[in-house]
Amino acid sequence: MRQLAGMRVLAILALGAALAAGPAAAAGPSASSSSASQQAPATRQERLTSAESFLPMPTLSAGVIQRNASSGAIVLDMGIDILDADLRHRARLNAPRLRDALRTALAAYATTFYRDRTAPDPDELTRLLQQAVDRTLGAEGARVLLVNIIYQRRQGAR
């Protein structure tokens, strides 16, 4: 019985030591010894531009419905350039509303304006997105910038 209690104490001590060493072991080699580990990966904004006025938006997508059937999806990468600091602050505070308005505008474009098997029209898409941003922020001064527009046709769609 005494041996069993001693083994439990040893097991608890070993577990405690392993838990204490866990974070240090997970960190790997010393962070100060490698210059690569000191450099953080670039954020999405840093990859696109170094301008503070640029507010990147998450990738948006909307299904393309033609003749009551899904024929594919439009995928959009974009950002908003806002030179006015107060308006940029308001845009950051209203980011969920902005994303919703942009998704709604993209869905309207995909179901109403886009025609299957054609290239998406960046002018029309920008116009709809710009209207959504201006309406959401309640003021002009934010400029929609498209980074990438992709139409992905559904496999097997005719």
C-alpha atoms as a PDB file:
ATOM      1  CA  MET A   1       0.000   0.000   0.000  1.00  0.00           C
ATOM      2  CA  ARG A   2       2.829   2.359   0.916  1.00  0.00           C
ATOM      3  CA  GLN A   3       4.563   1.559  -2.400  1.00  0.00           C
ATOM      4  CA  LEU A   4       1.367   2.410  -4.291  1.00  0.00           C
ATOM      5  CA  ALA A   5       1.117   5.795  -2.530  1.00  0.00           C
ATOM      6  CA  GLY A   6       4.780   6.498  -3.309  1.00  0.00           C
ATOM      7  CA  MET A   7       4.238   5.655  -6.976  1.00  0.00           C
ATOM      8  CA  ARG A   8       1.242   8.008  -7.097  1.00  0.00           C
ATOM      9  CA  VAL A   9       3.341  10.832  -5.644  1.00  0.00           C
ATOM     10  CA  LEU A  10       6.075  10.182  -8.216  1.00  0.00           C
ATOM     11  CA  ALA A  11       3.512  10.098 -11.031  1.00  0.00           C
ATOM     12  CA  ILE A  12       1.987  13.392  -9.883  1.00  0.00           C
ATOM     13  CA  LEU A  13       5.434  15.008  -9.642  1.00  0.00           C
ATOM     14  CA  ALA A  14       6.376  13.736 -13.105  1.00  0.00           C
ATOM     15  CA  LEU A  15       3.094  15.035 -14.538  1.00  0.00           C
ATOM     16  CA  GLY A  16       3.667  18.425 -12.891  1.00  0.00           C
ATOM     17  CA  ALA A  17       7.174  18.631 -14.324  1.00  0.00           C
ATOM     18  CA  ALA A  18       5.916  17.697 -17.781  1.00  0.00           C
ATOM     19  CA  LEU A  19       3.186  20.330 -17.641  1.00  0.00           C
ATOM     20  CA  ALA A  20       5.649  22.991 -16.496  1.00  0.00           C
ATOM     21  CA  ALA A  21       8.075  22.097 -19.283  1.00  0.00           C
ATOM     22  CA  GLY A  22       5.315  21.859 -21.913  1.00  0.00           C
ATOM     23  CA  PRO A  23       5.174  25.540 -22.947  1.00  0.00           C
ATOM     24  CA  ALA A  24       8.965  25.791 -23.096  1.00  0.00           C
ATOM     25  CA  ALA A  25       9.227  22.625 -25.173  1.00  0.00           C
ATOM     26  CA  ALA A  26       6.410  23.752 -27.454  1.00  0.00           C
ATOM     27  CA  ALA A  27       8.239  26.999 -28.153  1.00  0.00           C
ATOM     28  CA  GLY A  28      11.080  24.991 -29.665  1.00  0.00           C
ATOM     29  CA  PRO A  29      14.596  26.398 -29.924  1.00  0.00           C
ATOM     30  CA  SER A  30      15.342  29.679 -28.271  1.00  0.00           C
ATOM     31  CA  ALA A  31      13.349  32.435 -29.982  1.00  0.00           C
ATOM     32  CA  SER A  32      16.272  34.844 -29.768  1.00  0.00           C
ATOM     33  CA  SER A  33      18.667  32.469 -31.520  1.00  0.00           C
ATOM     34  CA  SER A  34      16.904  32.572 -34.875  1.00  0.00           C
ATOM     35  CA  SER A  35      16.230  35.724 -36.865  1.00  0.00           C
ATOM     36  CA  ALA A  36      13.530  33.910 -38.870  1.00  0.00           C
ATOM     37  CA  SER A  37      11.514  33.236 -35.738  1.00  0.00           C
ATOM     38  CA  GLN A  38      11.710  36.931 -34.796  1.00  0.00           C
ATOM     39  CA  GLN A  39      10.074  38.025 -38.039  1.00  0.00           C
ATOM     40  CA  ALA A  40       6.306  37.710 -37.859  1.00  0.00           C
ATOM     41  CA  PRO A  41       4.497  36.594 -41.003  1.00  0.00           C
ATOM     42  CA  ALA A  42       3.070  39.417 -43.062  1.00  0.00           C
ATOM     43  CA  THR A  43      -0.544  40.270 -42.446  1.00  0.00           C
ATOM     44  CA  ARG A  44      -2.948  40.376 -45.343  1.00  0.00           C
ATOM     45  CA  GLN A  45      -2.812  44.182 -45.375  1.00  0.00           C
ATOM     46  CA  GLU A  46       0.997  44.205 -45.421  1.00  0.00           C
ATOM     47  CA  ARG A  47       0.975  41.860 -48.409  1.00  0.00           C
ATOM     48  CA  LEU A  48      -1.358  44.174 -50.350  1.00  0.00           C
ATOM     49  CA  THR A  49      -0.127  47.627 -49.315  1.00  0.00           C
ATOM     50  CA  SER A  50       1.648  49.441 -46.520  1.00  0.00           C
ATOM     51  CA  ALA A  51      -0.847  52.326 -46.554  1.00  0.00           C
ATOM     52  CA  GLU A  52      -2.588  52.914 -43.221  1.00  0.00           C
ATOM     53  CA  SER A  53      -5.640  54.174 -45.079  1.00  0.00           C
ATOM     54  CA  PHE A  54      -6.307  50.726 -46.612  1.00  0.00           C
ATOM     55  CA  LEU A  55      -8.824  48.569 -44.757  1.00  0.00           C
ATOM     56  CA  PRO A  56      -8.757  45.001 -46.127  1.00  0.00           C
ATOM     57  CA  MET A  57     -12.013  43.064 -46.202  1.00  0.00           C
ATOM     58  CA  PRO A  58     -12.325  39.281 -45.881  1.00  0.00           C
ATOM     59  CA  THR A  59     -12.799  37.214 -49.021  1.00  0.00           C
ATOM     60  CA  LEU A  60     -16.450  37.348 -50.068  1.00  0.00           C
ATOM     61  CA  SER A  61     -18.349  34.873 -52.199  1.00  0.00           C
ATOM     62  CA  ALA A  62     -21.855  34.587 -53.613  1.00  0.00           C
ATOM     63  CA  GLY A  63     -23.619  31.849 -55.511  1.00  0.00           C
ATOM     64  CA  VAL A  64     -24.640  32.427 -59.114  1.00  0.00           C
ATOM     65  CA  ILE A  65     -28.210  31.281 -59.690  1.00  0.00           C
ATOM     66  CA  GLN A  66     -29.326  30.802 -63.313  1.00  0.00           C
ATOM     67  CA  ARG A  67     -32.652  29.192 -64.254  1.00  0.00           C
ATOM     68  CA  ASN A  68     -33.359  28.217 -60.628  1.00  0.00           C
ATOM     69  CA  ALA A  69     -30.122  26.255 -60.329  1.00  0.00           C
ATOM     70  CA  SER A  70     -26.694  27.063 -58.949  1.00  0.00           C
ATOM     71  CA  SER A  71     -24.175  27.376 -61.757  1.00  0.00           C
ATOM     72  CA  GLY A  72     -21.165  28.514 -59.730  1.00  0.00           C
ATOM     73  CA  ALA A  73     -19.862  31.201 -57.427  1.00  0.00           C
ATOM     74  CA  ILE A  74     -18.205  34.583 -57.640  1.00  0.00           C
ATOM     75  CA  VAL A  75     -15.305  35.035 -55.226  1.00  0.00           C
ATOM     76  CA  LEU A  76     -14.087  38.548 -54.467  1.00  0.00           C
ATOM     77  CA  ASP A  77     -11.031  39.945 -52.684  1.00  0.00           C
ATOM     78  CA  MET A  78     -11.228  43.639 -51.947  1.00  0.00           C
ATOM     79  CA  GLY A  79     -10.424  46.444 -49.580  1.00  0.00           C
ATOM     80  CA  ILE A  80     -11.551  49.953 -48.800  1.00  0.00           C
ATOM     81  CA  ASP A  81      -9.235  52.966 -48.989  1.00  0.00           C
ATOM     82  CA  ILE A  82     -10.285  55.619 -46.465  1.00  0.00           C
ATOM     83  CA  LEU A  83      -8.049  58.686 -46.211  1.00  0.00           C
ATOM     84  CA  ASP A  84     -10.108  60.415 -43.485  1.00  0.00           C
ATOM     85  CA  ALA A  85      -9.020  59.010 -40.083  1.00  0.00           C
ATOM     86  CA  ASP A  86     -12.419  59.604 -38.442  1.00  0.00           C
ATOM     87  CA  LEU A  87     -14.272  57.837 -41.244  1.00  0.00           C
ATOM     88  CA  ARG A  88     -11.735  54.993 -41.144  1.00  0.00           C
ATOM     89  CA  HIS A  89     -12.330  54.654 -37.392  1.00  0.00           C
ATOM     90  CA  ARG A  90     -16.098  54.566 -38.008  1.00  0.00           C
ATOM     91  CA  ALA A  91     -15.573  51.899 -40.688  1.00  0.00           C
ATOM     92  CA  ARG A  92     -13.557  49.732 -38.271  1.00  0.00           C
ATOM     93  CA  LEU A  93     -16.261  50.088 -35.627  1.00  0.00           C
ATOM     94  CA  ASN A  94     -18.929  49.156 -38.200  1.00  0.00           C
ATOM     95  CA  ALA A  95     -16.923  46.316 -39.784  1.00  0.00           C
ATOM     96  CA  PRO A  96     -19.683  43.681 -39.295  1.00  0.00           C
ATOM     97  CA  ARG A  97     -22.268  45.972 -40.918  1.00  0.00           C
ATOM     98  CA  LEU A  98     -19.853  46.730 -43.768  1.00  0.00           C
ATOM     99  CA  ARG A  99     -19.209  43.021 -44.407  1.00  0.00           C
ATOM    100  CA  ASP A 100     -22.947  42.350 -44.430  1.00  0.00           C
ATOM    101  CA  ALA A 101     -23.625  45.194 -46.867  1.00  0.00           C
ATOM    102  CA  LEU A 102     -20.805  44.037 -49.147  1.00  0.00           C
ATOM    103  CA  ARG A 103     -22.033  40.418 -49.117  1.00  0.00           C
ATOM    104  CA  THR A 104     -25.543  41.623 -49.937  1.00  0.00           C
ATOM    105  CA  ALA A 105     -24.271  43.752 -52.835  1.00  0.00           C
ATOM    106  CA  LEU A 106     -22.188  40.861 -54.185  1.00  0.00           C
ATOM    107  CA  ALA A 107     -25.176  38.504 -53.934  1.00  0.00           C
ATOM    108  CA  ALA A 108     -27.336  41.035 -55.790  1.00  0.00           C
ATOM    109  CA  TYR A 109     -24.721  41.262 -58.535  1.00  0.00           C
ATOM    110  CA  ALA A 110     -24.342  37.481 -58.773  1.00  0.00           C
ATOM    111  CA  THR A 111     -28.074  36.809 -59.049  1.00  0.00           C
ATOM    112  CA  THR A 112     -29.257  39.873 -60.984  1.00  0.00           C
ATOM    113  CA  PHE A 113     -26.493  41.395 -63.091  1.00  0.00           C
ATOM    114  CA  TYR A 114     -24.089  38.531 -63.801  1.00  0.00           C
ATOM    115  CA  ARG A 115     -24.673  36.289 -66.819  1.00  0.00           C
ATOM    116  CA  ASP A 116     -23.271  32.778 -66.736  1.00  0.00           C
ATOM    117  CA  ARG A 117     -20.114  32.049 -68.763  1.00  0.00           C
ATOM    118  CA  THR A 118     -19.150  35.696 -69.080  1.00  0.00           C
ATOM    119  CA  ALA A 119     -16.409  37.633 -67.350  1.00  0.00           C
ATOM    120  CA  PRO A 120     -17.644  39.506 -64.270  1.00  0.00           C
ATOM    121  CA  ASP A 121     -18.002  43.237 -64.915  1.00  0.00           C
ATOM    122  CA  PRO A 122     -15.682  45.048 -62.471  1.00  0.00           C
ATOM    123  CA  ASP A 123     -17.289  48.445 -63.165  1.00  0.00           C
ATOM    124  CA  GLU A 124     -20.806  47.294 -62.300  1.00  0.00           C
ATOM    125  CA  LEU A 125     -19.571  45.310 -59.316  1.00  0.00           C
ATOM    126  CA  THR A 126     -17.557  48.280 -58.002  1.00  0.00           C
ATOM    127  CA  ARG A 127     -20.578  50.569 -58.423  1.00  0.00           C
ATOM    128  CA  LEU A 128     -22.796  48.264 -56.335  1.00  0.00           C
ATOM    129  CA  LEU A 129     -20.143  47.748 -53.664  1.00  0.00           C
ATOM    130  CA  GLN A 130     -19.397  51.498 -53.485  1.00  0.00           C
ATOM    131  CA  GLN A 131     -23.091  52.277 -52.984  1.00  0.00           C
ATOM    132  CA  ALA A 132     -23.248  49.705 -50.169  1.00  0.00           C
ATOM    133  CA  VAL A 133     -20.182  51.180 -48.421  1.00  0.00           C
ATOM    134  CA  ASP A 134     -21.414  54.787 -48.725  1.00  0.00           C
ATOM    135  CA  ARG A 135     -24.868  53.829 -47.456  1.00  0.00           C
ATOM    136  CA  THR A 136     -23.445  51.884 -44.497  1.00  0.00           C
ATOM    137  CA  LEU A 137     -20.971  54.559 -43.412  1.00  0.00           C
ATOM    138  CA  GLY A 138     -23.461  57.364 -44.005  1.00  0.00           C
ATOM    139  CA  ALA A 139     -20.864  59.473 -45.808  1.00  0.00           C
ATOM    140  CA  GLU A 140     -18.701  59.488 -48.893  1.00  0.00           C
ATOM    141  CA  GLY A 141     -14.928  59.324 -48.641  1.00  0.00           C
ATOM    142  CA  ALA A 142     -14.318  55.575 -48.654  1.00  0.00           C
ATOM    143  CA  ARG A 143     -13.143  54.140 -51.967  1.00  0.00           C
ATOM    144  CA  VAL A 144     -13.752  50.489 -52.907  1.00  0.00           C
ATOM    145  CA  LEU A 145     -10.698  48.796 -54.399  1.00  0.00           C
ATOM    146  CA  LEU A 146     -11.053  45.385 -56.016  1.00  0.00           C
ATOM    147  CA  VAL A 147      -8.081  43.068 -55.683  1.00  0.00           C
ATOM    148  CA  ASN A 148      -9.358  39.898 -57.308  1.00  0.00           C
ATOM    149  CA  ILE A 149     -12.576  38.676 -58.955  1.00  0.00           C
ATOM    150  CA  ILE A 150     -12.978  34.985 -59.715  1.00  0.00           C
ATOM    151  CA  TYR A 151     -15.906  33.119 -61.211  1.00  0.00           C
ATOM    152  CA  GLN A 152     -15.841  29.444 -60.247  1.00  0.00           C
ATOM    153  CA  ARG A 153     -18.173  27.414 -62.423  1.00  0.00           C
ATOM    154  CA  ARG A 154     -19.739  24.450 -60.702  1.00  0.00           C
ATOM    155  CA  GLN A 155     -18.345  21.176 -61.930  1.00  0.00           C
ATOM    156  CA  GLY A 156     -20.834  19.489 -64.189  1.00  0.00           C
ATOM    157  CA  ALA A 157     -22.720  22.749 -64.852  1.00  0.00           C
ATOM    158  CA  ARG A 158     -23.693  23.098 -68.470  1.00  0.00           C
END
